[in-house]
Structure formats: structure tokens, C-alpha cells
């Protein structure tokens, strides 16, 4: 569980990132969650964009992706999701 200070730090780091995944009208699936989990292992911090043609609630999508990938939901702002998961092999981010 991340503290408020840690989340603030991660949000500032994620500000310059571009979304590397998009959730379209097909929604989420096991393959997407597996890819997100692998990306989190490499990068630790990623942005995901929920496209406008997806009619599902972005909050539900964010929770589903975070739970499926074993990650922490840092922020959901509009239709952009920020996820963090500490890497075992490629640790780069030091939390305060």
C-alpha cells in the first residue's frame, strides 16, 4: 500500500510519460493484463489510456487492471490510469 507522499512522488514522475496501452471498446482481457504485468516488471510505472469508445467505467477498468497485474493504482484522472509495481529485477524507482 502506497502512502500519500509516495503517490505524489509517482504522479510527478508519471507526468511526462505517454500511455503505452489503450483500452478500447473490447475492454480488458487476460492477454492485456499479462502484457501490462510484463511492462510493469520492466518499467515499474506506466500510463494506460481508456479510449472514448469504451463505455465501461474507467474506475472499474483501473481496479481490474491493478488487481490482475498485482499493481498499485497510483491515480485515475479522467480516462488515464497510472499503475505502479515494484520490479524484482529492474528496480529503478526509489520511493520516499
N, C-alpha and C. Protein backbone atom coordinates (compact mmCIF):
# COMPACT_ATOMS: atom_id res chain seq x y z
N UNK A 1 0.84 -1.18 0.00
CA UNK A 1 0.00 0.00 0.00
C UNK A 1 0.88 1.24 0.00
N UNK A 2 0.61 2.12 -0.91
CA UNK A 2 1.39 3.35 -1.04
C UNK A 2 0.86 4.45 -0.13
N UNK A 3 1.77 5.23 0.42
CA UNK A 3 1.37 6.37 1.23
C UNK A 3 1.07 7.55 0.30
N UNK A 4 0.48 8.60 0.85
CA UNK A 4 0.16 9.78 0.06
C UNK A 4 1.41 10.43 -0.53
N UNK A 5 2.48 10.45 0.26
CA UNK A 5 3.73 11.04 -0.20
C UNK A 5 4.31 10.24 -1.36
N UNK A 6 4.24 8.91 -1.28
CA UNK A 6 4.75 8.06 -2.35
C UNK A 6 3.92 8.23 -3.62
N UNK A 7 2.60 8.31 -3.47
CA UNK A 7 1.74 8.51 -4.63
C UNK A 7 2.03 9.85 -5.30
N UNK A 8 2.24 10.87 -4.50
CA UNK A 8 2.55 12.20 -5.03
C UNK A 8 3.86 12.15 -5.83
N UNK A 9 4.85 11.45 -5.29
CA UNK A 9 6.13 11.30 -5.97
C UNK A 9 5.95 10.57 -7.31
N UNK A 10 5.19 9.49 -7.30
CA UNK A 10 4.96 8.71 -8.52
C UNK A 10 4.16 9.51 -9.55
N UNK A 11 3.19 10.29 -9.10
CA UNK A 11 2.41 11.13 -10.03
C UNK A 11 3.31 12.13 -10.73
N UNK A 12 4.24 12.71 -9.98
CA UNK A 12 5.15 13.68 -10.60
C UNK A 12 6.07 13.00 -11.61
N UNK A 13 6.48 11.77 -11.34
CA UNK A 13 7.32 11.03 -12.28
C UNK A 13 6.53 10.64 -13.53
N UNK A 14 5.25 10.34 -13.37
CA UNK A 14 4.42 9.88 -14.48
C UNK A 14 3.95 11.02 -15.37
N UNK A 15 4.12 12.25 -14.92
CA UNK A 15 3.61 13.39 -15.67
C UNK A 15 4.12 13.42 -17.11
N UNK A 16 5.37 13.13 -17.32
CA UNK A 16 5.95 13.19 -18.66
C UNK A 16 5.79 11.92 -19.48
N UNK A 17 5.24 10.88 -18.90
CA UNK A 17 5.08 9.61 -19.62
C UNK A 17 3.92 9.66 -20.61
N UNK A 18 4.08 8.92 -21.70
CA UNK A 18 2.99 8.73 -22.66
C UNK A 18 2.31 7.39 -22.36
N UNK A 19 1.00 7.29 -22.56
CA UNK A 19 0.33 6.00 -22.35
C UNK A 19 0.90 4.93 -23.30
N UNK A 20 1.21 3.75 -22.75
CA UNK A 20 1.75 2.69 -23.60
C UNK A 20 0.71 1.61 -23.90
N UNK A 21 -0.43 1.67 -23.23
CA UNK A 21 -1.54 0.76 -23.52
C UNK A 21 -2.81 1.56 -23.68
N UNK A 22 -3.72 1.04 -24.50
CA UNK A 22 -5.03 1.65 -24.68
C UNK A 22 -6.09 0.58 -24.50
N UNK A 23 -7.12 0.92 -23.75
CA UNK A 23 -8.25 0.01 -23.56
C UNK A 23 -9.37 0.52 -24.47
N UNK A 24 -9.70 -0.26 -25.47
CA UNK A 24 -10.72 0.14 -26.43
C UNK A 24 -12.08 -0.45 -26.10
N UNK A 25 -12.94 -0.52 -27.11
CA UNK A 25 -14.30 -0.99 -26.87
C UNK A 25 -14.37 -2.47 -26.53
N UNK A 26 -13.29 -3.20 -26.81
CA UNK A 26 -13.25 -4.62 -26.44
C UNK A 26 -13.03 -4.84 -24.96
N UNK A 27 -12.63 -3.80 -24.26
CA UNK A 27 -12.39 -3.92 -22.82
C UNK A 27 -11.07 -4.60 -22.51
N UNK A 28 -10.97 -5.12 -21.30
CA UNK A 28 -9.74 -5.78 -20.87
C UNK A 28 -9.89 -7.28 -21.04
N UNK A 29 -8.75 -7.96 -21.12
CA UNK A 29 -8.75 -9.42 -21.19
C UNK A 29 -7.47 -9.94 -20.56
N UNK A 30 -7.35 -11.25 -20.45
CA UNK A 30 -6.19 -11.86 -19.79
C UNK A 30 -4.89 -11.52 -20.51
N UNK A 31 -4.93 -11.49 -21.84
CA UNK A 31 -3.73 -11.19 -22.62
C UNK A 31 -3.23 -9.77 -22.32
N UNK A 32 -4.14 -8.82 -22.26
CA UNK A 32 -3.77 -7.44 -21.97
C UNK A 32 -3.18 -7.34 -20.55
N UNK A 33 -3.80 -7.99 -19.60
CA UNK A 33 -3.31 -7.95 -18.22
C UNK A 33 -1.91 -8.56 -18.13
N UNK A 34 -1.66 -9.63 -18.88
CA UNK A 34 -0.34 -10.27 -18.90
C UNK A 34 0.70 -9.30 -19.48
N UNK A 35 0.35 -8.61 -20.56
CA UNK A 35 1.26 -7.65 -21.16
C UNK A 35 1.55 -6.47 -20.22
N UNK A 36 0.51 -6.00 -19.54
CA UNK A 36 0.68 -4.90 -18.59
C UNK A 36 1.59 -5.33 -17.44
N UNK A 37 1.42 -6.56 -16.97
CA UNK A 37 2.25 -7.08 -15.89
C UNK A 37 3.72 -7.14 -16.32
N UNK A 38 3.96 -7.58 -17.56
CA UNK A 38 5.33 -7.65 -18.06
C UNK A 38 5.93 -6.25 -18.22
N UNK A 39 5.13 -5.30 -18.69
CA UNK A 39 5.59 -3.92 -18.85
C UNK A 39 5.91 -3.30 -17.49
N UNK A 40 5.11 -3.61 -16.49
CA UNK A 40 5.36 -3.09 -15.14
C UNK A 40 6.65 -3.66 -14.56
N UNK A 41 6.96 -4.91 -14.87
CA UNK A 41 8.20 -5.52 -14.38
C UNK A 41 9.40 -4.79 -14.97
N UNK A 42 9.30 -4.35 -16.22
CA UNK A 42 10.40 -3.64 -16.88
C UNK A 42 10.47 -2.16 -16.49
N UNK A 43 9.31 -1.51 -16.41
CA UNK A 43 9.28 -0.04 -16.25
C UNK A 43 8.89 0.43 -14.85
N UNK A 44 8.15 -0.37 -14.12
CA UNK A 44 7.64 -0.06 -12.78
C UNK A 44 6.48 0.93 -12.77
N UNK A 45 6.47 1.90 -13.67
CA UNK A 45 5.44 2.93 -13.68
C UNK A 45 4.95 3.11 -15.11
N UNK A 46 3.64 2.92 -15.33
CA UNK A 46 3.10 3.05 -16.68
C UNK A 46 1.79 3.82 -16.68
N UNK A 47 1.47 4.38 -17.84
CA UNK A 47 0.19 5.04 -18.06
C UNK A 47 -0.61 4.21 -19.05
N UNK A 48 -1.92 4.16 -18.79
CA UNK A 48 -2.85 3.44 -19.67
C UNK A 48 -3.99 4.39 -19.99
N UNK A 49 -4.36 4.43 -21.25
CA UNK A 49 -5.43 5.31 -21.70
C UNK A 49 -6.69 4.49 -21.98
N UNK A 50 -7.83 4.97 -21.50
CA UNK A 50 -9.12 4.34 -21.80
C UNK A 50 -9.75 5.18 -22.92
N UNK A 51 -9.96 4.55 -24.07
CA UNK A 51 -10.49 5.27 -25.22
C UNK A 51 -11.95 5.65 -25.04
N UNK A 52 -12.37 6.67 -25.76
CA UNK A 52 -13.75 7.15 -25.64
C UNK A 52 -14.79 6.15 -26.12
N UNK A 53 -14.39 5.21 -27.00
CA UNK A 53 -15.37 4.25 -27.49
C UNK A 53 -15.61 3.11 -26.49
N UNK A 54 -14.91 3.12 -25.36
CA UNK A 54 -15.15 2.15 -24.30
C UNK A 54 -16.19 2.74 -23.36
N UNK A 55 -17.31 2.04 -23.21
CA UNK A 55 -18.42 2.56 -22.41
C UNK A 55 -18.36 2.13 -20.94
N UNK A 56 -17.36 1.31 -20.59
CA UNK A 56 -17.22 0.86 -19.20
C UNK A 56 -16.72 2.00 -18.32
N UNK A 57 -16.95 1.86 -17.02
CA UNK A 57 -16.49 2.86 -16.05
C UNK A 57 -14.97 2.77 -15.92
N UNK A 58 -14.25 3.88 -16.14
CA UNK A 58 -12.78 3.85 -16.02
C UNK A 58 -12.29 3.38 -14.64
N UNK A 59 -13.04 3.69 -13.59
CA UNK A 59 -12.65 3.24 -12.24
C UNK A 59 -12.64 1.72 -12.16
N UNK A 60 -13.66 1.07 -12.74
CA UNK A 60 -13.72 -0.39 -12.73
C UNK A 60 -12.58 -0.99 -13.54
N UNK A 61 -12.29 -0.38 -14.68
CA UNK A 61 -11.19 -0.86 -15.53
C UNK A 61 -9.87 -0.73 -14.78
N UNK A 62 -9.65 0.40 -14.13
CA UNK A 62 -8.41 0.63 -13.38
C UNK A 62 -8.24 -0.41 -12.28
N UNK A 63 -9.30 -0.67 -11.54
CA UNK A 63 -9.22 -1.66 -10.46
C UNK A 63 -8.97 -3.07 -11.00
N UNK A 64 -9.62 -3.40 -12.12
CA UNK A 64 -9.44 -4.72 -12.73
C UNK A 64 -8.00 -4.91 -13.19
N UNK A 65 -7.44 -3.89 -13.84
CA UNK A 65 -6.06 -3.98 -14.32
C UNK A 65 -5.07 -4.04 -13.17
N UNK A 66 -5.28 -3.22 -12.15
CA UNK A 66 -4.37 -3.22 -11.00
C UNK A 66 -4.41 -4.56 -10.28
N UNK A 67 -5.60 -5.09 -10.04
CA UNK A 67 -5.71 -6.38 -9.36
C UNK A 67 -5.13 -7.51 -10.20
N UNK A 68 -5.41 -7.50 -11.50
CA UNK A 68 -4.92 -8.56 -12.39
C UNK A 68 -3.41 -8.57 -12.49
N UNK A 69 -2.80 -7.39 -12.51
CA UNK A 69 -1.35 -7.29 -12.65
C UNK A 69 -0.63 -7.27 -11.31
N UNK A 70 -1.37 -7.22 -10.22
CA UNK A 70 -0.76 -7.15 -8.89
C UNK A 70 -0.07 -5.83 -8.64
N UNK A 71 -0.64 -4.77 -9.19
CA UNK A 71 -0.02 -3.44 -9.12
C UNK A 71 -0.84 -2.52 -8.22
N UNK A 72 -0.26 -1.36 -7.94
CA UNK A 72 -0.94 -0.32 -7.17
C UNK A 72 -1.51 0.72 -8.13
N UNK A 73 -2.74 1.12 -7.90
CA UNK A 73 -3.34 2.21 -8.67
C UNK A 73 -2.86 3.51 -8.06
N UNK A 74 -2.02 4.23 -8.81
CA UNK A 74 -1.48 5.50 -8.31
C UNK A 74 -2.49 6.61 -8.50
N UNK A 75 -3.08 6.67 -9.71
CA UNK A 75 -4.03 7.73 -9.99
C UNK A 75 -4.92 7.35 -11.17
N UNK A 76 -6.13 7.81 -11.10
CA UNK A 76 -7.06 7.75 -12.23
C UNK A 76 -7.55 9.17 -12.43
N UNK A 77 -7.15 9.75 -13.53
CA UNK A 77 -7.58 11.12 -13.81
C UNK A 77 -8.21 11.12 -15.20
N UNK A 78 -9.50 11.41 -15.22
CA UNK A 78 -10.24 11.35 -16.48
C UNK A 78 -10.28 9.93 -16.98
N UNK A 79 -9.66 9.69 -18.12
CA UNK A 79 -9.61 8.36 -18.71
C UNK A 79 -8.18 7.84 -18.80
N UNK A 80 -7.31 8.37 -17.92
CA UNK A 80 -5.92 7.95 -17.88
C UNK A 80 -5.62 7.29 -16.54
N UNK A 81 -5.05 6.09 -16.62
CA UNK A 81 -4.74 5.28 -15.44
C UNK A 81 -3.22 5.24 -15.27
N UNK A 82 -2.76 5.43 -14.04
CA UNK A 82 -1.34 5.30 -13.73
C UNK A 82 -1.19 4.14 -12.75
N UNK A 83 -0.36 3.16 -13.14
CA UNK A 83 -0.12 1.99 -12.30
C UNK A 83 1.35 1.91 -11.92
N UNK A 84 1.62 1.38 -10.72
CA UNK A 84 2.98 1.18 -10.23
C UNK A 84 3.09 -0.21 -9.63
N UNK A 85 4.22 -0.86 -9.94
CA UNK A 85 4.54 -2.13 -9.31
C UNK A 85 6.05 -2.21 -9.19
N UNK A 86 6.54 -2.45 -7.99
CA UNK A 86 7.98 -2.54 -7.79
C UNK A 86 8.54 -3.74 -8.55
N UNK A 87 9.61 -3.51 -9.30
CA UNK A 87 10.23 -4.56 -10.10
C UNK A 87 11.18 -5.39 -9.24
N UNK A 88 11.24 -6.68 -9.55
CA UNK A 88 12.17 -7.55 -8.83
C UNK A 88 13.57 -7.43 -9.41
N UNK A 89 13.68 -7.40 -10.75
CA UNK A 89 14.98 -7.41 -11.41
C UNK A 89 15.46 -6.03 -11.85
N UNK A 90 14.53 -5.15 -12.24
CA UNK A 90 14.90 -3.89 -12.86
C UNK A 90 14.50 -2.69 -12.01
N UNK A 91 14.77 -2.76 -10.73
CA UNK A 91 14.35 -1.68 -9.82
C UNK A 91 15.05 -0.38 -10.18
N UNK A 92 14.26 0.67 -10.47
CA UNK A 92 14.81 1.97 -10.84
C UNK A 92 14.27 3.07 -9.94
N UNK A 93 13.05 2.92 -9.47
CA UNK A 93 12.38 3.99 -8.74
C UNK A 93 12.58 3.79 -7.22
N UNK A 94 13.11 4.83 -6.59
CA UNK A 94 13.25 4.84 -5.14
C UNK A 94 12.12 5.68 -4.55
N UNK A 95 11.30 5.05 -3.74
CA UNK A 95 10.18 5.77 -3.13
C UNK A 95 10.63 6.49 -1.87
N UNK A 96 10.04 7.65 -1.62
CA UNK A 96 10.40 8.40 -0.39
C UNK A 96 9.89 7.70 0.87
